[in-house]
Amino acid sequence: MTFTNLIIFCIIYYAIISVVGVYLTISDKHRAIKGVWRISENTLMLCGFLGAALPMYITMKKVCHKTKHAKFMIGLPAEIILHIILMATIIYSLSI
């Protein structure tokens, strides 16, 4: 896989996982309002870990969902930092 193809793949993957993360966050907010079955916190955190941490964090702040849960307000920023380190490491490794 060339560097250009890897970048394209990463952009497409990030776009898809971001949409999924935002959808899950908004869906869970609506489910909370309706009082029906909810999306588990572990599922939300896993989605963030897989790449959707930043858009999920922004969405949670915008729609005031789970903003009082330390698991999300500390966990998602930690995942964002982890993603930045991982991306920087990969880019640095490929540029050598």
PDB file of N, CA and C in Angstrom:
ATOM      1  N   MET A   1       0.849  -1.170   0.000  1.00  0.00           N
ATOM      2  CA  MET A   1       0.000   0.000   0.000  1.00  0.00           C
ATOM      3  C   MET A   1       0.901   1.240   0.000  1.00  0.00           C
ATOM      4  N   THR A   2       0.657   2.105  -0.931  1.00  0.00           N
ATOM      5  CA  THR A   2       1.458   3.330  -1.000  1.00  0.00           C
ATOM      6  C   THR A   2       0.996   4.312   0.070  1.00  0.00           C
ATOM      7  N   PHE A   3       1.824   5.298   0.309  1.00  0.00           N
ATOM      8  CA  PHE A   3       1.508   6.316   1.312  1.00  0.00           C
ATOM      9  C   PHE A   3       0.216   7.043   0.964  1.00  0.00           C
ATOM     10  N   THR A   4       0.036   7.364  -0.315  1.00  0.00           N
ATOM     11  CA  THR A   4      -1.176   8.066  -0.764  1.00  0.00           C
ATOM     12  C   THR A   4      -2.412   7.207  -0.533  1.00  0.00           C
ATOM     13  N   ASN A   5      -2.322   5.926  -0.877  1.00  0.00           N
ATOM     14  CA  ASN A   5      -3.457   5.025  -0.652  1.00  0.00           C
ATOM     15  C   ASN A   5      -3.777   4.886   0.827  1.00  0.00           C
ATOM     16  N   LEU A   6      -2.733   4.850   1.660  1.00  0.00           N
ATOM     17  CA  LEU A   6      -2.942   4.752   3.104  1.00  0.00           C
ATOM     18  C   LEU A   6      -3.665   5.989   3.629  1.00  0.00           C
ATOM     19  N   ILE A   7      -3.267   7.151   3.157  1.00  0.00           N
ATOM     20  CA  ILE A   7      -3.920   8.396   3.580  1.00  0.00           C
ATOM     21  C   ILE A   7      -5.388   8.395   3.154  1.00  0.00           C
ATOM     22  N   ILE A   8      -5.660   7.989   1.915  1.00  0.00           N
ATOM     23  CA  ILE A   8      -7.047   7.929   1.423  1.00  0.00           C
ATOM     24  C   ILE A   8      -7.863   6.949   2.253  1.00  0.00           C
ATOM     25  N   PHE A   9      -7.296   5.775   2.522  1.00  0.00           N
ATOM     26  CA  PHE A   9      -7.987   4.779   3.343  1.00  0.00           C
ATOM     27  C   PHE A   9      -8.302   5.345   4.724  1.00  0.00           C
ATOM     28  N   CYS A  10      -7.323   6.013   5.346  1.00  0.00           N
ATOM     29  CA  CYS A  10      -7.519   6.585   6.684  1.00  0.00           C
ATOM     30  C   CYS A  10      -8.602   7.653   6.695  1.00  0.00           C
ATOM     31  N   ILE A  11      -8.636   8.491   5.670  1.00  0.00           N
ATOM     32  CA  ILE A  11      -9.663   9.541   5.591  1.00  0.00           C
ATOM     33  C   ILE A  11     -11.049   8.927   5.454  1.00  0.00           C
ATOM     34  N   ILE A  12     -11.176   7.925   4.585  1.00  0.00           N
ATOM     35  CA  ILE A  12     -12.475   7.260   4.401  1.00  0.00           C
ATOM     36  C   ILE A  12     -12.900   6.558   5.682  1.00  0.00           C
ATOM     37  N   TYR A  13     -11.960   5.831   6.318  1.00  0.00           N
ATOM     38  CA  TYR A  13     -12.272   5.130   7.561  1.00  0.00           C
ATOM     39  C   TYR A  13     -12.715   6.126   8.637  1.00  0.00           C
ATOM     40  N   TYR A  14     -11.956   7.220   8.790  1.00  0.00           N
ATOM     41  CA  TYR A  14     -12.276   8.216   9.812  1.00  0.00           C
ATOM     42  C   TYR A  14     -13.643   8.854   9.554  1.00  0.00           C
ATOM     43  N   ALA A  15     -13.957   9.109   8.300  1.00  0.00           N
ATOM     44  CA  ALA A  15     -15.263   9.695   7.964  1.00  0.00           C
ATOM     45  C   ALA A  15     -16.395   8.738   8.345  1.00  0.00           C
ATOM     46  N   ILE A  16     -16.224   7.466   8.006  1.00  0.00           N
ATOM     47  CA  ILE A  16     -17.276   6.480   8.301  1.00  0.00           C
ATOM     48  C   ILE A  16     -17.438   6.289   9.803  1.00  0.00           C
ATOM     49  N   ILE A  17     -16.338   6.083  10.524  1.00  0.00           N
ATOM     50  CA  ILE A  17     -16.446   5.848  11.963  1.00  0.00           C
ATOM     51  C   ILE A  17     -16.949   7.100  12.682  1.00  0.00           C
ATOM     52  N   SER A  18     -16.641   8.273  12.153  1.00  0.00           N
ATOM     53  CA  SER A  18     -17.142   9.517  12.746  1.00  0.00           C
ATOM     54  C   SER A  18     -18.656   9.617  12.615  1.00  0.00           C
ATOM     55  N   VAL A  19     -19.170   9.295  11.438  1.00  0.00           N
ATOM     56  CA  VAL A  19     -20.624   9.317  11.221  1.00  0.00           C
ATOM     57  C   VAL A  19     -21.305   8.310  12.140  1.00  0.00           C
ATOM     58  N   VAL A  20     -20.725   7.121  12.263  1.00  0.00           N
ATOM     59  CA  VAL A  20     -21.299   6.093  13.141  1.00  0.00           C
ATOM     60  C   VAL A  20     -21.296   6.588  14.594  1.00  0.00           C
ATOM     61  N   GLY A  21     -20.186   7.166  15.033  1.00  0.00           N
ATOM     62  CA  GLY A  21     -20.093   7.663  16.408  1.00  0.00           C
ATOM     63  C   GLY A  21     -21.095   8.757  16.716  1.00  0.00           C
ATOM     64  N   VAL A  22     -21.232   9.702  15.808  1.00  0.00           N
ATOM     65  CA  VAL A  22     -22.199  10.791  16.003  1.00  0.00           C
ATOM     66  C   VAL A  22     -23.619  10.230  15.997  1.00  0.00           C
ATOM     67  N   TYR A  23     -23.899   9.307  15.072  1.00  0.00           N
ATOM     68  CA  TYR A  23     -25.230   8.687  15.025  1.00  0.00           C
ATOM     69  C   TYR A  23     -25.546   7.978  16.345  1.00  0.00           C
ATOM     70  N   LEU A  24     -24.599   7.186  16.863  1.00  0.00           N
ATOM     71  CA  LEU A  24     -24.828   6.462  18.118  1.00  0.00           C
ATOM     72  C   LEU A  24     -25.061   7.427  19.275  1.00  0.00           C
ATOM     73  N   THR A  25     -24.301   8.513  19.312  1.00  0.00           N
ATOM     74  CA  THR A  25     -24.446   9.497  20.383  1.00  0.00           C
ATOM     75  C   THR A  25     -25.817  10.157  20.344  1.00  0.00           C
ATOM     76  N   ILE A  26     -26.220  10.618  19.180  1.00  0.00           N
ATOM     77  CA  ILE A  26     -27.525  11.274  19.044  1.00  0.00           C
ATOM     78  C   ILE A  26     -28.655  10.281  19.275  1.00  0.00           C
ATOM     79  N   SER A  27     -28.493   9.066  18.762  1.00  0.00           N
ATOM     80  CA  SER A  27     -29.508   8.032  18.963  1.00  0.00           C
ATOM     81  C   SER A  27     -29.675   7.724  20.449  1.00  0.00           C
ATOM     82  N   ASP A  28     -28.565   7.620  21.178  1.00  0.00           N
ATOM     83  CA  ASP A  28     -28.655   7.343  22.613  1.00  0.00           C
ATOM     84  C   ASP A  28     -29.321   8.497  23.353  1.00  0.00           C
ATOM     85  N   LYS A  29     -29.058   9.721  22.923  1.00  0.00           N
ATOM     86  CA  LYS A  29     -29.707  10.886  23.536  1.00  0.00           C
ATOM     87  C   LYS A  29     -31.222  10.812  23.333  1.00  0.00           C
ATOM     88  N   HIS A  30     -31.652  10.507  22.123  1.00  0.00           N
ATOM     89  CA  HIS A  30     -33.090  10.399  21.847  1.00  0.00           C
ATOM     90  C   HIS A  30     -33.716   9.251  22.628  1.00  0.00           C
ATOM     91  N   ARG A  31     -32.992   8.141  22.727  1.00  0.00           N
ATOM     92  CA  ARG A  31     -33.506   7.001  23.491  1.00  0.00           C
ATOM     93  C   ARG A  31     -33.634   7.352  24.967  1.00  0.00           C
ATOM     94  N   ALA A  32     -32.698   8.144  25.484  1.00  0.00           N
ATOM     95  CA  ALA A  32     -32.763   8.564  26.893  1.00  0.00           C
ATOM     96  C   ALA A  32     -34.000   9.421  27.132  1.00  0.00           C
ATOM     97  N   ILE A  33     -34.297  10.308  26.191  1.00  0.00           N
ATOM     98  CA  ILE A  33     -35.470  11.173  26.314  1.00  0.00           C
ATOM     99  C   ILE A  33     -36.746  10.353  26.287  1.00  0.00           C
ATOM    100  N   LYS A  34     -36.807   9.354  25.400  1.00  0.00           N
ATOM    101  CA  LYS A  34     -37.998   8.516  25.263  1.00  0.00           C
ATOM    102  C   LYS A  34     -38.110   7.474  26.364  1.00  0.00           C
ATOM    103  N   GLY A  35     -37.023   7.199  27.074  1.00  0.00           N
ATOM    104  CA  GLY A  35     -37.045   6.203  28.138  1.00  0.00           C
ATOM    105  C   GLY A  35     -37.079   4.775  27.625  1.00  0.00           C
ATOM    106  N   VAL A  36     -36.482   4.559  26.453  1.00  0.00           N
ATOM    107  CA  VAL A  36     -36.438   3.205  25.889  1.00  0.00           C
ATOM    108  C   VAL A  36     -35.028   2.637  25.998  1.00  0.00           C
ATOM    109  N   TRP A  37     -34.839   1.418  25.471  1.00  0.00           N
ATOM    110  CA  TRP A  37     -33.553   0.723  25.513  1.00  0.00           C
ATOM    111  C   TRP A  37     -32.437   1.627  25.029  1.00  0.00           C
ATOM    112  N   ARG A  38     -31.324   1.634  25.757  1.00  0.00           N
ATOM    113  CA  ARG A  38     -30.208   2.541  25.489  1.00  0.00           C
ATOM    114  C   ARG A  38     -29.018   1.806  24.887  1.00  0.00           C
ATOM    115  N   ILE A  39     -28.146   2.557  24.272  1.00  0.00           N
ATOM    116  CA  ILE A  39     -26.884   2.042  23.764  1.00  0.00           C
ATOM    117  C   ILE A  39     -25.926   2.000  24.950  1.00  0.00           C
ATOM    118  N   SER A  40     -25.221   0.893  25.132  1.00  0.00           N
ATOM    119  CA  SER A  40     -24.373   0.744  26.312  1.00  0.00           C
ATOM    120  C   SER A  40     -23.194   1.716  26.274  1.00  0.00           C
ATOM    121  N   GLU A  41     -22.752   2.101  27.459  1.00  0.00           N
ATOM    122  CA  GLU A  41     -21.604   2.995  27.563  1.00  0.00           C
ATOM    123  C   GLU A  41     -20.360   2.351  26.964  1.00  0.00           C
ATOM    124  N   ASN A  42     -20.224   1.044  27.127  1.00  0.00           N
ATOM    125  CA  ASN A  42     -19.069   0.344  26.560  1.00  0.00           C
ATOM    126  C   ASN A  42     -19.067   0.411  25.036  1.00  0.00           C
ATOM    127  N   THR A  43     -20.247   0.325  24.428  1.00  0.00           N
ATOM    128  CA  THR A  43     -20.340   0.427  22.973  1.00  0.00           C
ATOM    129  C   THR A  43     -19.938   1.822  22.517  1.00  0.00           C
ATOM    130  N   LEU A  44     -20.410   2.832  23.228  1.00  0.00           N
ATOM    131  CA  LEU A  44     -20.050   4.208  22.885  1.00  0.00           C
ATOM    132  C   LEU A  44     -18.541   4.433  23.032  1.00  0.00           C
ATOM    133  N   MET A  45     -17.958   3.941  24.119  1.00  0.00           N
ATOM    134  CA  MET A  45     -16.517   4.107  24.327  1.00  0.00           C
ATOM    135  C   MET A  45     -15.711   3.327  23.290  1.00  0.00           C
ATOM    136  N   LEU A  46     -16.175   2.143  22.916  1.00  0.00           N
ATOM    137  CA  LEU A  46     -15.491   1.360  21.892  1.00  0.00           C
ATOM    138  C   LEU A  46     -15.498   2.093  20.559  1.00  0.00           C
ATOM    139  N   CYS A  47     -16.612   2.669  20.220  1.00  0.00           N
ATOM    140  CA  CYS A  47     -16.706   3.442  18.978  1.00  0.00           C
ATOM    141  C   CYS A  47     -15.735   4.615  19.012  1.00  0.00           C
ATOM    142  N   GLY A  48     -15.641   5.280  20.153  1.00  0.00           N
ATOM    143  CA  GLY A  48     -14.674   6.364  20.311  1.00  0.00           C
ATOM    144  C   GLY A  48     -13.254   5.856  20.159  1.00  0.00           C
ATOM    145  N   PHE A  49     -12.962   4.723  20.759  1.00  0.00           N
ATOM    146  CA  PHE A  49     -11.628   4.128  20.679  1.00  0.00           C
ATOM    147  C   PHE A  49     -11.261   3.758  19.250  1.00  0.00           C
ATOM    148  N   LEU A  50     -12.243   3.342  18.476  1.00  0.00           N
ATOM    149  CA  LEU A  50     -12.004   2.946  17.088  1.00  0.00           C
ATOM    150  C   LEU A  50     -11.798   4.136  16.154  1.00  0.00           C
ATOM    151  N   GLY A  51     -11.936   5.364  16.685  1.00  0.00           N
ATOM    152  CA  GLY A  51     -11.621   6.528  15.874  1.00  0.00           C
ATOM    153  C   GLY A  51     -12.604   7.672  15.946  1.00  0.00           C
ATOM    154  N   ALA A  52     -13.726   7.477  16.610  1.00  0.00           N
ATOM    155  CA  ALA A  52     -14.765   8.509  16.615  1.00  0.00           C
ATOM    156  C   ALA A  52     -14.746   9.371  17.874  1.00  0.00           C
ATOM    157  N   ALA A  53     -13.672   9.341  18.638  1.00  0.00           N
ATOM    158  CA  ALA A  53     -13.636  10.056  19.919  1.00  0.00           C
ATOM    159  C   ALA A  53     -13.874  11.557  19.760  1.00  0.00           C
ATOM    160  N   LEU A  54     -13.200  12.196  18.821  1.00  0.00           N
ATOM    161  CA  LEU A  54     -13.342  13.646  18.667  1.00  0.00           C
ATOM    162  C   LEU A  54     -14.756  14.053  18.244  1.00  0.00           C
ATOM    163  N   PRO A  55     -15.319  13.472  17.179  1.00  0.00           N
ATOM    164  CA  PRO A  55     -16.684  13.880  16.824  1.00  0.00           C
ATOM    165  C   PRO A  55     -17.715  13.511  17.895  1.00  0.00           C
ATOM    166  N   MET A  56     -17.503  12.411  18.598  1.00  0.00           N
ATOM    167  CA  MET A  56     -18.432  12.040  19.665  1.00  0.00           C
ATOM    168  C   MET A  56     -18.343  13.030  20.820  1.00  0.00           C
ATOM    169  N   TYR A  57     -17.143  13.443  21.175  1.00  0.00           N
ATOM    170  CA  TYR A  57     -16.953  14.409  22.258  1.00  0.00           C
ATOM    171  C   TYR A  57     -17.632  15.733  21.922  1.00  0.00           C
ATOM    172  N   ILE A  58     -17.421  16.199  20.712  1.00  0.00           N
ATOM    173  CA  ILE A  58     -18.047  17.454  20.276  1.00  0.00           C
ATOM    174  C   ILE A  58     -19.568  17.316  20.288  1.00  0.00           C
ATOM    175  N   THR A  59     -20.078  16.201  19.777  1.00  0.00           N
ATOM    176  CA  THR A  59     -21.526  15.964  19.747  1.00  0.00           C
ATOM    177  C   THR A  59     -22.106  15.915  21.148  1.00  0.00           C
ATOM    178  N   MET A  60     -21.424  15.205  22.061  1.00  0.00           N
ATOM    179  CA  MET A  60     -21.917  15.112  23.440  1.00  0.00           C
ATOM    180  C   MET A  60     -21.985  16.478  24.101  1.00  0.00           C
ATOM    181  N   LYS A  61     -21.002  17.332  23.829  1.00  0.00           N
ATOM    182  CA  LYS A  61     -21.023  18.682  24.389  1.00  0.00           C
ATOM    183  C   LYS A  61     -22.152  19.516  23.776  1.00  0.00           C
ATOM    184  N   LYS A  62     -22.382  19.369  22.477  1.00  0.00           N
ATOM    185  CA  LYS A  62     -23.411  20.152  21.780  1.00  0.00           C
ATOM    186  C   LYS A  62     -24.819  19.762  22.217  1.00  0.00           C
ATOM    187  N   VAL A  63     -25.074  18.457  22.380  1.00  0.00           N
ATOM    188  CA  VAL A  63     -26.427  18.018  22.717  1.00  0.00           C
ATOM    189  C   VAL A  63     -26.590  17.744  24.217  1.00  0.00           C
ATOM    190  N   CYS A  64     -25.582  18.107  25.002  1.00  0.00           N
ATOM    191  CA  CYS A  64     -25.609  17.910  26.462  1.00  0.00           C
ATOM    192  C   CYS A  64     -25.969  16.483  26.841  1.00  0.00           C
ATOM    193  N   HIS A  65     -25.204  15.544  26.305  1.00  0.00           N
ATOM    194  CA  HIS A  65     -25.449  14.131  26.583  1.00  0.00           C
ATOM    195  C   HIS A  65     -24.216  13.519  27.223  1.00  0.00           C
ATOM    196  N   LYS A  66     -24.380  12.939  28.389  1.00  0.00           N
ATOM    197  CA  LYS A  66     -23.336  12.271  29.153  1.00  0.00           C
ATOM    198  C   LYS A  66     -22.208  13.221  29.573  1.00  0.00           C
ATOM    199  N   THR A  67     -22.511  14.498  29.663  1.00  0.00           N
ATOM    200  CA  THR A  67     -21.476  15.477  30.019  1.00  0.00           C
ATOM    201  C   THR A  67     -21.129  15.448  31.505  1.00  0.00           C
ATOM    202  N   LYS A  68     -21.923  14.759  32.317  1.00  0.00           N
ATOM    203  CA  LYS A  68     -21.621  14.644  33.738  1.00  0.00           C
ATOM    204  C   LYS A  68     -20.950  13.309  34.062  1.00  0.00           C
ATOM    205  N   HIS A  69     -20.681  12.516  33.042  1.00  0.00           N
ATOM    206  CA  HIS A  69     -20.034  11.222  33.236  1.00  0.00           C
ATOM    207  C   HIS A  69     -18.533  11.371  32.995  1.00  0.00           C
ATOM    208  N   ALA A  70     -17.746  11.169  34.041  1.00  0.00           N
ATOM    209  CA  ALA A  70     -16.289  11.283  33.914  1.00  0.00           C
ATOM    210  C   ALA A  70     -15.747  10.289  32.898  1.00  0.00           C
ATOM    211  N   LYS A  71     -16.407   9.135  32.792  1.00  0.00           N
ATOM    212  CA  LYS A  71     -15.976   8.118  31.835  1.00  0.00           C
ATOM    213  C   LYS A  71     -15.884   8.700  30.429  1.00  0.00           C
ATOM    214  N   PHE A  72     -16.778   9.596  30.089  1.00  0.00           N
ATOM    215  CA  PHE A  72     -16.795  10.189  28.749  1.00  0.00           C
ATOM    216  C   PHE A  72     -16.020  11.504  28.691  1.00  0.00           C
ATOM    217  N   MET A  73     -16.146  12.337  29.688  1.00  0.00           N
ATOM    218  CA  MET A  73     -15.513  13.652  29.650  1.00  0.00           C
ATOM    219  C   MET A  73     -14.000  13.573  29.901  1.00  0.00           C
ATOM    220  N   ILE A  74     -13.521  12.469  30.442  1.00  0.00           N
ATOM    221  CA  ILE A  74     -12.085  12.231  30.584  1.00  0.00           C
ATOM    222  C   ILE A  74     -11.635  11.176  29.570  1.00  0.00           C
ATOM    223  N   GLY A  75     -12.457  10.141  29.410  1.00  0.00           N
ATOM    224  CA  GLY A  75     -12.103   9.026  28.526  1.00  0.00           C
ATOM    225  C   GLY A  75     -11.982   9.409  27.066  1.00  0.00           C
ATOM    226  N   LEU A  76     -12.942  10.172  26.549  1.00  0.00           N
ATOM    227  CA  LEU A  76     -12.878  10.552  25.136  1.00  0.00           C
ATOM    228  C   LEU A  76     -11.694  11.464  24.828  1.00  0.00           C
ATOM    229  N   PRO A  77     -11.411  12.489  25.645  1.00  0.00           N
ATOM    230  CA  PRO A  77     -10.197  13.279  25.380  1.00  0.00           C
ATOM    231  C   PRO A  77      -8.921  12.428  25.453  1.00  0.00           C
ATOM    232  N   ALA A  78      -8.882  11.456  26.362  1.00  0.00           N
ATOM    233  CA  ALA A  78      -7.718  10.560  26.437  1.00  0.00           C
ATOM    234  C   ALA A  78      -7.588   9.758  25.142  1.00  0.00           C
ATOM    235  N   GLU A  79      -8.723   9.306  24.609  1.00  0.00           N
ATOM    236  CA  GLU A  79      -8.698   8.581  23.332  1.00  0.00           C
ATOM    237  C   GLU A  79      -8.262   9.497  22.193  1.00  0.00           C
ATOM    238  N   ILE A  80      -8.669  10.753  22.231  1.00  0.00           N
ATOM    239  CA  ILE A  80      -8.256  11.714  21.197  1.00  0.00           C
ATOM    240  C   ILE A  80      -6.732  11.869  21.218  1.00  0.00           C
ATOM    241  N   ILE A  81      -6.168  12.006  22.404  1.00  0.00           N
ATOM    242  CA  ILE A  81      -4.711  12.125  22.527  1.00  0.00           C
ATOM    243  C   ILE A  81      -4.028  10.856  22.014  1.00  0.00           C
ATOM    244  N   LEU A  82      -4.577   9.712  22.362  1.00  0.00           N
ATOM    245  CA  LEU A  82      -4.040   8.439  21.875  1.00  0.00           C
ATOM    246  C   LEU A  82      -4.067   8.379  20.349  1.00  0.00           C
ATOM    247  N   HIS A  83      -5.158   8.833  19.743  1.00  0.00           N
ATOM    248  CA  HIS A  83      -5.271   8.833  18.277  1.00  0.00           C
ATOM    249  C   HIS A  83      -4.239   9.765  17.641  1.00  0.00           C
ATOM    250  N   ILE A  84      -4.036  10.926  18.239  1.00  0.00           N
ATOM    251  CA  ILE A  84      -3.046  11.872  17.704  1.00  0.00           C
ATOM    252  C   ILE A  84      -1.648  11.265  17.755  1.00  0.00           C
ATOM    253  N   ILE A  85      -1.313  10.642  18.882  1.00  0.00           N
ATOM    254  CA  ILE A  85       0.002   9.998  19.012  1.00  0.00           C
ATOM    255  C   ILE A  85       0.146   8.868  17.993  1.00  0.00           C
ATOM    256  N   LEU A  86      -0.895   8.063  17.847  1.00  0.00           N
ATOM    257  CA  LEU A  86      -0.857   6.954  16.893  1.00  0.00           C
ATOM    258  C   LEU A  86      -0.683   7.450  15.465  1.00  0.00           C
ATOM    259  N   MET A  87      -1.453   8.470  15.075  1.00  0.00           N
ATOM    260  CA  MET A  87      -1.339   9.015  13.712  1.00  0.00           C
ATOM    261  C   MET A  87       0.046   9.620  13.477  1.00  0.00           C
ATOM    262  N   ALA A  88       0.567  10.346  14.454  1.00  0.00           N
ATOM    263  CA  ALA A  88       1.895  10.951  14.307  1.00  0.00           C
ATOM    264  C   ALA A  88       2.964   9.880  14.176  1.00  0.00           C
ATOM    265  N   THR A  89       2.835   8.816  14.951  1.00  0.00           N
ATOM    266  CA  THR A  89       3.798   7.716  14.878  1.00  0.00           C
ATOM    267  C   THR A  89       3.761   7.036  13.523  1.00  0.00           C
ATOM    268  N   ILE A  90       2.572   6.788  13.021  1.00  0.00           N
ATOM    269  CA  ILE A  90       2.435   6.134  11.715  1.00  0.00           C
ATOM    270  C   ILE A  90       3.000   7.026  10.617  1.00  0.00           C
ATOM    271  N   ILE A  91       2.662   8.285  10.618  1.00  0.00           N
ATOM    272  CA  ILE A  91       3.160   9.205   9.585  1.00  0.00           C
ATOM    273  C   ILE A  91       4.679   9.316   9.672  1.00  0.00           C
ATOM    274  N   TYR A  92       5.209   9.417  10.887  1.00  0.00           N
ATOM    275  CA  TYR A  92       6.656   9.513  11.052  1.00  0.00           C
ATOM    276  C   TYR A  92       7.339   8.235  10.552  1.00  0.00           C
ATOM    277  N   SER A  93       6.772   7.076  10.911  1.00  0.00           N
ATOM    278  CA  SER A  93       7.350   5.793  10.490  1.00  0.00           C
ATOM    279  C   SER A  93       7.365   5.655   8.968  1.00  0.00           C
ATOM    280  N   LEU A  94       6.338   6.113   8.317  1.00  0.00           N
ATOM    281  CA  LEU A  94       6.246   5.985   6.867  1.00  0.00           C
ATOM    282  C   LEU A  94       7.125   6.996   6.145  1.00  0.00           C
ATOM    283  N   SER A  95       7.457   8.094   6.809  1.00  0.00           N
ATOM    284  CA  SER A  95       8.253   9.120   6.134  1.00  0.00           C
ATOM    285  C   SER A  95       9.756   8.849   6.217  1.00  0.00           C
ATOM    286  N   ILE A  96      10.157   7.907   7.035  1.00  0.00           N
ATOM    287  CA  ILE A  96      11.594   7.586   7.159  1.00  0.00           C
ATOM    288  C   ILE A  96      12.061   6.750   5.998  1.00  0.00           C
TER     289      ILE A  96
END
